[in-house]
Amino acid sequence: MRLAINIVGFDDPPGDLTRHGGLGPEPAAVGAAAEAAGVGRLSTTDRYFQMEVMGGADSAMLECCTTLGYLAAHTSTVRLGAHDRRKR
């Protein structure tokens, strides 16, 4: 069985970007940890604004394609992709 991780939050707690030194180091650390754990897929949500359940529009949200490019530069084996939870 292969596990997948979907990154949906970029600030913890919402509104606090100083806790881990800003936005950049956190996704890179998640990517490295995912690879080290043997995770098969790492994705991020394809949205412009954060979902209400994750803190709302005022919370940090990174653009999907740019985030995936950043993760690609910091990973080598995990598959990357976009996750869209909209009802169709």
C-alpha atoms as a PDB file:
ATOM      1  CA  MET A   1       0.000   0.000   0.000  1.00  0.00           C
ATOM      2  CA  ARG A   2       1.263   3.481  -0.912  1.00  0.00           C
ATOM      3  CA  LEU A   3       0.332   6.478   1.196  1.00  0.00           C
ATOM      4  CA  ALA A   4      -0.404   9.980  -0.063  1.00  0.00           C
ATOM      5  CA  ILE A   5      -0.255  13.335   1.706  1.00  0.00           C
ATOM      6  CA  ASN A   6      -2.240  16.404   0.658  1.00  0.00           C
ATOM      7  CA  ILE A   7      -0.814  19.672   2.005  1.00  0.00           C
ATOM      8  CA  VAL A   8      -3.757  21.943   2.804  1.00  0.00           C
ATOM      9  CA  GLY A   9      -2.379  24.285   5.476  1.00  0.00           C
ATOM     10  CA  PHE A  10       0.598  26.600   5.208  1.00  0.00           C
ATOM     11  CA  ASP A  11       0.471  28.521   8.479  1.00  0.00           C
ATOM     12  CA  ASP A  12       0.088  27.069  11.952  1.00  0.00           C
ATOM     13  CA  PRO A  13      -1.706  28.595  13.734  1.00  0.00           C
ATOM     14  CA  PRO A  14      -3.569  30.401  10.919  1.00  0.00           C
ATOM     15  CA  GLY A  15      -2.180  33.881  10.413  1.00  0.00           C
ATOM     16  CA  ASP A  16       1.235  33.089  11.984  1.00  0.00           C
ATOM     17  CA  LEU A  17       3.974  32.814   9.355  1.00  0.00           C
ATOM     18  CA  THR A  18       6.827  33.388  11.806  1.00  0.00           C
ATOM     19  CA  ARG A  19       6.689  30.123  13.748  1.00  0.00           C
ATOM     20  CA  HIS A  20       8.740  28.080  11.274  1.00  0.00           C
ATOM     21  CA  GLY A  21      10.667  30.872   9.577  1.00  0.00           C
ATOM     22  CA  GLY A  22       8.114  31.695   6.884  1.00  0.00           C
ATOM     23  CA  LEU A  23       6.422  29.643   4.202  1.00  0.00           C
ATOM     24  CA  GLY A  24       9.408  28.214   2.306  1.00  0.00           C
ATOM     25  CA  PRO A  25      11.050  25.855   4.799  1.00  0.00           C
ATOM     26  CA  GLU A  26       7.847  24.092   5.828  1.00  0.00           C
ATOM     27  CA  PRO A  27       6.765  22.568   2.466  1.00  0.00           C
ATOM     28  CA  ALA A  28      10.388  21.573   1.767  1.00  0.00           C
ATOM     29  CA  ALA A  29      10.575  19.833   5.155  1.00  0.00           C
ATOM     30  CA  VAL A  30       7.260  18.059   4.507  1.00  0.00           C
ATOM     31  CA  GLY A  31       8.569  16.884   1.126  1.00  0.00           C
ATOM     32  CA  ALA A  32      11.792  15.561   2.646  1.00  0.00           C
ATOM     33  CA  ALA A  33       9.916  13.809   5.454  1.00  0.00           C
ATOM     34  CA  ALA A  34       7.433  12.303   2.987  1.00  0.00           C
ATOM     35  CA  GLU A  35      10.251  10.855   0.894  1.00  0.00           C
ATOM     36  CA  ALA A  36      12.082   9.536   3.944  1.00  0.00           C
ATOM     37  CA  ALA A  37       8.882   7.794   5.086  1.00  0.00           C
ATOM     38  CA  GLY A  38       8.278   6.238   1.666  1.00  0.00           C
ATOM     39  CA  VAL A  39       5.133   8.233   0.876  1.00  0.00           C
ATOM     40  CA  GLY A  40       4.070   7.622  -2.722  1.00  0.00           C
ATOM     41  CA  ARG A  41       2.355  10.919  -3.559  1.00  0.00           C
ATOM     42  CA  LEU A  42       2.478  14.475  -2.248  1.00  0.00           C
ATOM     43  CA  SER A  43      -0.131  16.956  -3.418  1.00  0.00           C
ATOM     44  CA  THR A  44      -1.375  20.421  -2.677  1.00  0.00           C
ATOM     45  CA  THR A  45      -4.843  21.867  -3.054  1.00  0.00           C
ATOM     46  CA  ASP A  46      -5.654  23.653  -6.303  1.00  0.00           C
ATOM     47  CA  ARG A  47      -7.309  26.781  -4.889  1.00  0.00           C
ATOM     48  CA  TYR A  48      -6.539  30.492  -4.744  1.00  0.00           C
ATOM     49  CA  PHE A  49      -7.980  31.050  -1.277  1.00  0.00           C
ATOM     50  CA  GLN A  50      -7.820  28.843   1.779  1.00  0.00           C
ATOM     51  CA  MET A  51     -10.915  26.803   2.685  1.00  0.00           C
ATOM     52  CA  GLU A  52     -12.979  28.039   5.638  1.00  0.00           C
ATOM     53  CA  VAL A  53     -12.349  24.830   7.578  1.00  0.00           C
ATOM     54  CA  MET A  54      -8.581  25.497   7.325  1.00  0.00           C
ATOM     55  CA  GLY A  55      -8.751  29.131   8.450  1.00  0.00           C
ATOM     56  CA  GLY A  56     -10.519  31.014   5.675  1.00  0.00           C
ATOM     57  CA  ALA A  57      -9.453  33.523   3.067  1.00  0.00           C
ATOM     58  CA  ASP A  58      -7.132  35.379   5.464  1.00  0.00           C
ATOM     59  CA  SER A  59      -4.938  32.312   6.014  1.00  0.00           C
ATOM     60  CA  ALA A  60      -1.852  31.662   3.935  1.00  0.00           C
ATOM     61  CA  MET A  61      -2.439  29.743   0.712  1.00  0.00           C
ATOM     62  CA  LEU A  62       0.225  29.061  -1.870  1.00  0.00           C
ATOM     63  CA  GLU A  63      -0.584  28.817  -5.572  1.00  0.00           C
ATOM     64  CA  CYS A  64      -0.628  25.160  -6.610  1.00  0.00           C
ATOM     65  CA  CYS A  65       1.719  25.038  -9.632  1.00  0.00           C
ATOM     66  CA  THR A  66       4.373  27.227  -8.025  1.00  0.00           C
ATOM     67  CA  THR A  67       4.240  25.122  -4.852  1.00  0.00           C
ATOM     68  CA  LEU A  68       4.595  21.901  -6.860  1.00  0.00           C
ATOM     69  CA  GLY A  69       7.606  23.366  -8.672  1.00  0.00           C
ATOM     70  CA  TYR A  70       9.152  24.284  -5.328  1.00  0.00           C
ATOM     71  CA  LEU A  71       8.496  20.781  -3.992  1.00  0.00           C
ATOM     72  CA  ALA A  72      10.024  19.296  -7.151  1.00  0.00           C
ATOM     73  CA  ALA A  73      13.220  21.226  -6.460  1.00  0.00           C
ATOM     74  CA  HIS A  74      13.364  19.759  -2.939  1.00  0.00           C
ATOM     75  CA  THR A  75      12.332  16.148  -3.632  1.00  0.00           C
ATOM     76  CA  SER A  76      13.414  13.420  -6.027  1.00  0.00           C
ATOM     77  CA  THR A  77      11.290  10.274  -5.636  1.00  0.00           C
ATOM     78  CA  VAL A  78       7.811  11.210  -4.383  1.00  0.00           C
ATOM     79  CA  ARG A  79       5.135  11.774  -7.041  1.00  0.00           C
ATOM     80  CA  LEU A  80       3.691  15.300  -7.032  1.00  0.00           C
ATOM     81  CA  GLY A  81       0.222  16.466  -8.011  1.00  0.00           C
ATOM     82  CA  ALA A  82      -2.775  18.711  -7.444  1.00  0.00           C
ATOM     83  CA  HIS A  83      -5.772  17.761  -5.349  1.00  0.00           C
ATOM     84  CA  ASP A  84      -9.162  19.287  -6.103  1.00  0.00           C
ATOM     85  CA  ARG A  85     -12.017  18.516  -3.690  1.00  0.00           C
ATOM     86  CA  ARG A  86     -14.754  20.413  -5.520  1.00  0.00           C
ATOM     87  CA  LYS A  87     -17.933  18.447  -6.054  1.00  0.00           C
ATOM     88  CA  ARG A  88     -18.557  17.710  -9.698  1.00  0.00           C
END
